[in-house]
Amino acid sequence: MREKVLKKIRSAQVKSNFRIESKEPDLKKFVFKRPEENLVETFAKEFSKNSGKFIYCQNNADLVGQLRTLIAESKWKNVYCTEEKLRYMLNDTSIRYKFDLSNYTDADVSITLCFGLVARTGSILVTTAPDASRKLTVFPPVHIVVAYYNQLFFDLEDAFKHFKTKADDGFPSMLSIISGPSRTADIEKTLVLGAHGPKNIYCFYVNER
């Protein structure tokens, strides 16, 4: 059927002396214009468009202070965190958390690190590390992601190029792209947040390595 249609088009072109000049697409040409503003501002703007909540932190001390305030104001009791780097930092604070996932279904909020941030789309890259759990990125109603300035990239291409040079064992077996809280509009075209994942996502961006 396809060949019949193409044959008719070619025949019509011959009769009308009309030619369509086609060029091979330049697959290496950069399509998206890089923003004039810095990447932090771009990510914050795009992440907020996706219904995410962006919180800027000057350093780790500022991160802990703002985390403590948010947890207290939100009255979250069951805070989960399994990643060693974050636990090492939280252990010297008044923030109480759980790391045993045997009863993770009672989680109010999870705190995790991430693989990277993509400024152009306001997306977060997450993966499973030996001390991380995918459960904590999809099950709790609130997900808090902690990211640092050297994890911020303009687009996925930049992120993959960076990780390809840094990863000793190659890419992880699982990589997810989170662009705001989970949502669906399947029922009566009404947008519902938290349909099959966290209803709220916070990104605590720390402006240091």
C-alpha atoms as a PDB file:
ATOM      1  CA  MET A   1       0.000   0.000   0.000  1.00  0.00           C
ATOM      2  CA  ARG A   2       2.804   2.372   0.909  1.00  0.00           C
ATOM      3  CA  GLU A   3       4.578   1.760  -2.389  1.00  0.00           C
ATOM      4  CA  LYS A   4       1.385   2.442  -4.338  1.00  0.00           C
ATOM      5  CA  VAL A   5       0.972   5.810  -2.648  1.00  0.00           C
ATOM      6  CA  LEU A   6       4.609   6.750  -3.240  1.00  0.00           C
ATOM      7  CA  LYS A   7       4.350   5.692  -6.885  1.00  0.00           C
ATOM      8  CA  LYS A   8       1.349   7.981  -7.410  1.00  0.00           C
ATOM      9  CA  ILE A   9       3.211  10.885  -5.780  1.00  0.00           C
ATOM     10  CA  ARG A  10       6.249  10.363  -8.028  1.00  0.00           C
ATOM     11  CA  SER A  11       4.021  10.149 -11.098  1.00  0.00           C
ATOM     12  CA  ALA A  12       2.275  13.403 -10.180  1.00  0.00           C
ATOM     13  CA  GLN A  13       5.636  15.119  -9.673  1.00  0.00           C
ATOM     14  CA  VAL A  14       6.819  14.044 -13.142  1.00  0.00           C
ATOM     15  CA  LYS A  15       3.663  15.348 -14.808  1.00  0.00           C
ATOM     16  CA  SER A  16       3.771  18.707 -13.050  1.00  0.00           C
ATOM     17  CA  ASN A  17       7.579  19.093 -13.261  1.00  0.00           C
ATOM     18  CA  PHE A  18       7.510  19.582  -9.478  1.00  0.00           C
ATOM     19  CA  ARG A  19      10.366  18.302  -7.392  1.00  0.00           C
ATOM     20  CA  ILE A  20      10.698  18.021  -3.641  1.00  0.00           C
ATOM     21  CA  GLU A  21      14.256  18.635  -2.590  1.00  0.00           C
ATOM     22  CA  SER A  22      15.006  16.769   0.579  1.00  0.00           C
ATOM     23  CA  LYS A  23      18.090  17.171   2.691  1.00  0.00           C
ATOM     24  CA  GLU A  24      19.584  14.745   5.105  1.00  0.00           C
ATOM     25  CA  PRO A  25      18.844  15.964   8.638  1.00  0.00           C
ATOM     26  CA  ASP A  26      21.803  17.168  10.641  1.00  0.00           C
ATOM     27  CA  LEU A  27      21.468  14.945  13.703  1.00  0.00           C
ATOM     28  CA  LYS A  28      24.368  16.676  15.446  1.00  0.00           C
ATOM     29  CA  LYS A  29      22.933  20.167  15.150  1.00  0.00           C
ATOM     30  CA  PHE A  30      21.896  21.652  18.476  1.00  0.00           C
ATOM     31  CA  VAL A  31      18.118  22.137  18.417  1.00  0.00           C
ATOM     32  CA  PHE A  32      17.367  23.833  21.730  1.00  0.00           C
ATOM     33  CA  LYS A  33      18.703  27.284  22.495  1.00  0.00           C
ATOM     34  CA  ARG A  34      20.731  27.508  25.661  1.00  0.00           C
ATOM     35  CA  PRO A  35      19.210  29.976  28.119  1.00  0.00           C
ATOM     36  CA  GLU A  36      20.817  33.303  28.892  1.00  0.00           C
ATOM     37  CA  GLU A  37      20.049  32.811  32.584  1.00  0.00           C
ATOM     38  CA  ASN A  38      22.100  30.390  34.677  1.00  0.00           C
ATOM     39  CA  LEU A  39      21.155  26.723  34.839  1.00  0.00           C
ATOM     40  CA  VAL A  40      19.907  26.932  38.428  1.00  0.00           C
ATOM     41  CA  GLU A  41      17.294  29.527  37.453  1.00  0.00           C
ATOM     42  CA  THR A  42      16.297  27.506  34.397  1.00  0.00           C
ATOM     43  CA  PHE A  43      15.892  24.303  36.394  1.00  0.00           C
ATOM     44  CA  ALA A  44      13.939  26.048  39.176  1.00  0.00           C
ATOM     45  CA  LYS A  45      11.562  27.606  36.637  1.00  0.00           C
ATOM     46  CA  GLU A  46      10.969  24.406  34.664  1.00  0.00           C
ATOM     47  CA  PHE A  47      10.737  22.238  37.801  1.00  0.00           C
ATOM     48  CA  SER A  48       8.103  24.602  39.228  1.00  0.00           C
ATOM     49  CA  LYS A  49       6.151  24.380  35.958  1.00  0.00           C
ATOM     50  CA  ASN A  50       6.024  20.623  36.581  1.00  0.00           C
ATOM     51  CA  SER A  51       4.447  21.268  40.021  1.00  0.00           C
ATOM     52  CA  GLY A  52       7.721  20.549  41.815  1.00  0.00           C
ATOM     53  CA  LYS A  53       8.876  22.592  44.828  1.00  0.00           C
ATOM     54  CA  PHE A  54      12.385  24.017  44.522  1.00  0.00           C
ATOM     55  CA  ILE A  55      14.365  25.033  47.620  1.00  0.00           C
ATOM     56  CA  TYR A  56      17.759  26.732  47.302  1.00  0.00           C
ATOM     57  CA  CYS A  57      20.404  26.006  49.947  1.00  0.00           C
ATOM     58  CA  GLN A  58      23.745  27.758  50.312  1.00  0.00           C
ATOM     59  CA  ASN A  59      25.492  24.755  51.878  1.00  0.00           C
ATOM     60  CA  ASN A  60      24.870  21.554  53.851  1.00  0.00           C
ATOM     61  CA  ALA A  61      24.218  23.454  57.080  1.00  0.00           C
ATOM     62  CA  ASP A  62      21.535  25.486  55.314  1.00  0.00           C
ATOM     63  CA  LEU A  63      20.136  22.254  53.857  1.00  0.00           C
ATOM     64  CA  VAL A  64      19.782  20.666  57.304  1.00  0.00           C
ATOM     65  CA  GLY A  65      18.162  23.794  58.727  1.00  0.00           C
ATOM     66  CA  GLN A  66      15.586  24.060  55.953  1.00  0.00           C
ATOM     67  CA  LEU A  67      14.900  20.314  56.084  1.00  0.00           C
ATOM     68  CA  ARG A  68      14.286  20.500  59.819  1.00  0.00           C
ATOM     69  CA  THR A  69      11.890  23.427  59.380  1.00  0.00           C
ATOM     70  CA  LEU A  70       9.943  21.735  56.567  1.00  0.00           C
ATOM     71  CA  ILE A  71       9.588  18.453  58.458  1.00  0.00           C
ATOM     72  CA  ALA A  72       8.396  20.246  61.595  1.00  0.00           C
ATOM     73  CA  GLU A  73       5.921  22.492  59.770  1.00  0.00           C
ATOM     74  CA  SER A  74       4.534  19.568  57.749  1.00  0.00           C
ATOM     75  CA  LYS A  75       4.299  17.394  60.906  1.00  0.00           C
ATOM     76  CA  TRP A  76       5.865  14.398  59.177  1.00  0.00           C
ATOM     77  CA  LYS A  77       6.563  11.629  61.681  1.00  0.00           C
ATOM     78  CA  ASN A  78       7.852   8.787  59.515  1.00  0.00           C
ATOM     79  CA  VAL A  79      10.838  10.111  57.587  1.00  0.00           C
ATOM     80  CA  TYR A  80      12.838   7.527  55.624  1.00  0.00           C
ATOM     81  CA  CYS A  81      16.418   7.786  54.408  1.00  0.00           C
ATOM     82  CA  THR A  82      18.696   4.874  53.502  1.00  0.00           C
ATOM     83  CA  GLU A  83      21.636   6.472  51.686  1.00  0.00           C
ATOM     84  CA  GLU A  84      24.860   6.524  53.641  1.00  0.00           C
ATOM     85  CA  LYS A  85      26.002  10.005  52.579  1.00  0.00           C
ATOM     86  CA  LEU A  86      22.753  11.586  53.704  1.00  0.00           C
ATOM     87  CA  ARG A  87      22.574   9.528  56.904  1.00  0.00           C
ATOM     88  CA  TYR A  88      26.098  10.569  57.845  1.00  0.00           C
ATOM     89  CA  MET A  89      25.028  14.208  57.557  1.00  0.00           C
ATOM     90  CA  LEU A  90      21.680  13.774  59.354  1.00  0.00           C
ATOM     91  CA  ASN A  91      23.081  11.754  62.256  1.00  0.00           C
ATOM     92  CA  ASP A  92      24.547  14.889  63.851  1.00  0.00           C
ATOM     93  CA  THR A  93      21.225  16.739  63.716  1.00  0.00           C
ATOM     94  CA  SER A  94      17.899  16.617  65.523  1.00  0.00           C
ATOM     95  CA  ILE A  95      16.210  15.171  62.429  1.00  0.00           C
ATOM     96  CA  ARG A  96      14.923  11.699  63.212  1.00  0.00           C
ATOM     97  CA  TYR A  97      14.615   9.207  60.378  1.00  0.00           C
ATOM     98  CA  LYS A  98      14.187   5.515  59.671  1.00  0.00           C
ATOM     99  CA  PHE A  99      16.405   3.405  57.425  1.00  0.00           C
ATOM    100  CA  ASP A 100      14.913  -0.058  57.947  1.00  0.00           C
ATOM    101  CA  LEU A 101      12.518  -0.622  55.038  1.00  0.00           C
ATOM    102  CA  SER A 102      10.679  -3.562  56.592  1.00  0.00           C
ATOM    103  CA  ASN A 103       7.772  -1.220  57.424  1.00  0.00           C
ATOM    104  CA  TYR A 104       8.266   1.386  54.710  1.00  0.00           C
ATOM    105  CA  THR A 105       4.506   1.494  53.966  1.00  0.00           C
ATOM    106  CA  ASP A 106       4.074   3.890  56.891  1.00  0.00           C
ATOM    107  CA  ALA A 107       6.375   6.461  55.255  1.00  0.00           C
ATOM    108  CA  ASP A 108       5.223  10.084  55.234  1.00  0.00           C
ATOM    109  CA  VAL A 109       8.248  11.296  53.310  1.00  0.00           C
ATOM    110  CA  SER A 110      11.506   9.979  51.843  1.00  0.00           C
ATOM    111  CA  ILE A 111      14.830  11.770  51.441  1.00  0.00           C
ATOM    112  CA  THR A 112      17.157  10.621  48.653  1.00  0.00           C
ATOM    113  CA  LEU A 113      20.068  11.773  46.567  1.00  0.00           C
ATOM    114  CA  CYS A 114      19.852  11.807  42.786  1.00  0.00           C
ATOM    115  CA  PHE A 115      21.906  10.972  39.698  1.00  0.00           C
ATOM    116  CA  GLY A 116      21.568  14.459  38.253  1.00  0.00           C
ATOM    117  CA  LEU A 117      19.304  17.386  37.334  1.00  0.00           C
ATOM    118  CA  VAL A 118      18.269  18.392  33.799  1.00  0.00           C
ATOM    119  CA  ALA A 119      17.657  22.138  33.591  1.00  0.00           C
ATOM    120  CA  ARG A 120      15.946  22.282  30.175  1.00  0.00           C
ATOM    121  CA  THR A 121      13.036  20.083  31.251  1.00  0.00           C
ATOM    122  CA  GLY A 122      13.174  20.553  35.025  1.00  0.00           C
ATOM    123  CA  SER A 123      13.726  16.818  35.455  1.00  0.00           C
ATOM    124  CA  ILE A 124      15.492  14.702  38.071  1.00  0.00           C
ATOM    125  CA  LEU A 125      17.490  11.573  37.250  1.00  0.00           C
ATOM    126  CA  VAL A 126      17.343   8.878  39.916  1.00  0.00           C
ATOM    127  CA  THR A 127      18.835   5.409  40.086  1.00  0.00           C
ATOM    128  CA  THR A 128      19.269   2.577  42.547  1.00  0.00           C
ATOM    129  CA  ALA A 129      22.606   2.483  44.326  1.00  0.00           C
ATOM    130  CA  PRO A 130      23.669  -0.242  46.790  1.00  0.00           C
ATOM    131  CA  ASP A 131      22.374   1.833  49.722  1.00  0.00           C
ATOM    132  CA  ALA A 132      19.400   3.362  47.905  1.00  0.00           C
ATOM    133  CA  SER A 133      15.952   1.958  47.258  1.00  0.00           C
ATOM    134  CA  ARG A 134      13.585   2.575  44.388  1.00  0.00           C
ATOM    135  CA  LYS A 135      10.727   2.172  46.868  1.00  0.00           C
ATOM    136  CA  LEU A 136      11.597   5.534  48.374  1.00  0.00           C
ATOM    137  CA  THR A 137      11.302   7.339  45.030  1.00  0.00           C
ATOM    138  CA  VAL A 138       7.851   6.006  44.159  1.00  0.00           C
ATOM    139  CA  PHE A 139       5.924   4.948  47.279  1.00  0.00           C
ATOM    140  CA  PRO A 140       5.908   7.739  49.911  1.00  0.00           C
ATOM    141  CA  PRO A 141       3.406  10.544  49.273  1.00  0.00           C
ATOM    142  CA  VAL A 142       6.242  13.086  49.534  1.00  0.00           C
ATOM    143  CA  HIS A 143       9.691  12.704  47.989  1.00  0.00           C
ATOM    144  CA  ILE A 144      12.576  15.033  48.889  1.00  0.00           C
ATOM    145  CA  VAL A 145      15.549  15.004  46.518  1.00  0.00           C
ATOM    146  CA  VAL A 146      18.919  16.468  47.513  1.00  0.00           C
ATOM    147  CA  ALA A 147      21.148  17.640  44.656  1.00  0.00           C
ATOM    148  CA  TYR A 148      24.429  19.555  44.389  1.00  0.00           C
ATOM    149  CA  TYR A 149      25.612  22.137  41.859  1.00  0.00           C
ATOM    150  CA  ASN A 150      28.014  19.777  40.079  1.00  0.00           C
ATOM    151  CA  GLN A 151      25.036  17.494  39.332  1.00  0.00           C
ATOM    152  CA  LEU A 152      23.216  20.120  37.249  1.00  0.00           C
ATOM    153  CA  PHE A 153      23.233  19.821  33.440  1.00  0.00           C
ATOM    154  CA  PHE A 154      21.481  21.636  30.620  1.00  0.00           C
ATOM    155  CA  ASP A 155      20.028  18.562  28.919  1.00  0.00           C
ATOM    156  CA  LEU A 156      20.167  14.779  28.921  1.00  0.00           C
ATOM    157  CA  GLU A 157      22.960  14.719  26.344  1.00  0.00           C
ATOM    158  CA  ASP A 158      25.229  16.762  28.627  1.00  0.00           C
ATOM    159  CA  ALA A 159      24.336  14.543  31.592  1.00  0.00           C
ATOM    160  CA  PHE A 160      25.048  11.294  29.749  1.00  0.00           C
ATOM    161  CA  LYS A 161      28.357  12.626  28.399  1.00  0.00           C
ATOM    162  CA  HIS A 162      29.438  13.513  31.936  1.00  0.00           C
ATOM    163  CA  PHE A 163      28.427  10.205  33.478  1.00  0.00           C
ATOM    164  CA  LYS A 164      30.010   8.248  30.650  1.00  0.00           C
ATOM    165  CA  THR A 165      33.412   9.737  31.512  1.00  0.00           C
ATOM    166  CA  LYS A 166      32.936   9.392  35.283  1.00  0.00           C
ATOM    167  CA  ALA A 167      31.293   5.985  35.629  1.00  0.00           C
ATOM    168  CA  ASP A 168      33.903   3.275  36.168  1.00  0.00           C
ATOM    169  CA  ASP A 169      31.416   0.437  35.770  1.00  0.00           C
ATOM    170  CA  GLY A 170      29.239   2.036  33.103  1.00  0.00           C
ATOM    171  CA  PHE A 171      25.700   3.235  33.575  1.00  0.00           C
ATOM    172  CA  PRO A 172      23.492   1.821  36.324  1.00  0.00           C
ATOM    173  CA  SER A 173      20.990  -0.902  35.495  1.00  0.00           C
ATOM    174  CA  MET A 174      18.045   1.387  36.213  1.00  0.00           C
ATOM    175  CA  LEU A 175      17.704   5.091  35.491  1.00  0.00           C
ATOM    176  CA  SER A 176      14.420   6.964  35.919  1.00  0.00           C
ATOM    177  CA  ILE A 177      13.535  10.492  34.826  1.00  0.00           C
ATOM    178  CA  ILE A 178      11.204  12.330  37.201  1.00  0.00           C
ATOM    179  CA  SER A 179       9.494  15.445  35.890  1.00  0.00           C
ATOM    180  CA  GLY A 180       7.358  16.563  38.813  1.00  0.00           C
ATOM    181  CA  PRO A 181       4.767  14.659  40.875  1.00  0.00           C
ATOM    182  CA  SER A 182       3.027  11.720  39.211  1.00  0.00           C
ATOM    183  CA  ARG A 183      -0.184  12.730  37.483  1.00  0.00           C
ATOM    184  CA  THR A 184      -3.006  11.480  35.309  1.00  0.00           C
ATOM    185  CA  ALA A 185      -5.981  12.985  33.518  1.00  0.00           C
ATOM    186  CA  ASP A 186      -7.465   9.693  32.322  1.00  0.00           C
ATOM    187  CA  ILE A 187     -10.680  10.105  34.335  1.00  0.00           C
ATOM    188  CA  GLU A 188     -12.978  12.778  32.918  1.00  0.00           C
ATOM    189  CA  LYS A 189      -9.889  14.747  31.793  1.00  0.00           C
ATOM    190  CA  THR A 190      -9.377  15.942  35.376  1.00  0.00           C
ATOM    191  CA  LEU A 191      -5.753  16.315  36.422  1.00  0.00           C
ATOM    192  CA  VAL A 192      -4.975  14.248  39.521  1.00  0.00           C
ATOM    193  CA  LEU A 193      -1.591  14.444  41.263  1.00  0.00           C
ATOM    194  CA  GLY A 194      -0.108  11.476  43.090  1.00  0.00           C
ATOM    195  CA  ALA A 195      -1.885   8.935  40.908  1.00  0.00           C
ATOM    196  CA  HIS A 196       0.940   6.385  40.834  1.00  0.00           C
ATOM    197  CA  GLY A 197       3.747   7.967  42.837  1.00  0.00           C
ATOM    198  CA  PRO A 198       4.507  10.890  45.176  1.00  0.00           C
ATOM    199  CA  LYS A 199       1.980  13.713  45.269  1.00  0.00           C
ATOM    200  CA  ASN A 200       4.649  16.256  46.182  1.00  0.00           C
ATOM    201  CA  ILE A 201       8.288  16.421  45.145  1.00  0.00           C
ATOM    202  CA  TYR A 202      10.828  18.776  46.671  1.00  0.00           C
ATOM    203  CA  CYS A 203      14.263  19.470  45.244  1.00  0.00           C
ATOM    204  CA  PHE A 204      16.728  20.817  47.789  1.00  0.00           C
ATOM    205  CA  TYR A 205      19.485  22.292  45.642  1.00  0.00           C
ATOM    206  CA  VAL A 206      22.772  22.780  47.520  1.00  0.00           C
ATOM    207  CA  ASN A 207      25.094  25.342  45.959  1.00  0.00           C
ATOM    208  CA  GLU A 208      28.296  23.458  46.727  1.00  0.00           C
ATOM    209  CA  ARG A 209      29.905  20.157  45.839  1.00  0.00           C
END
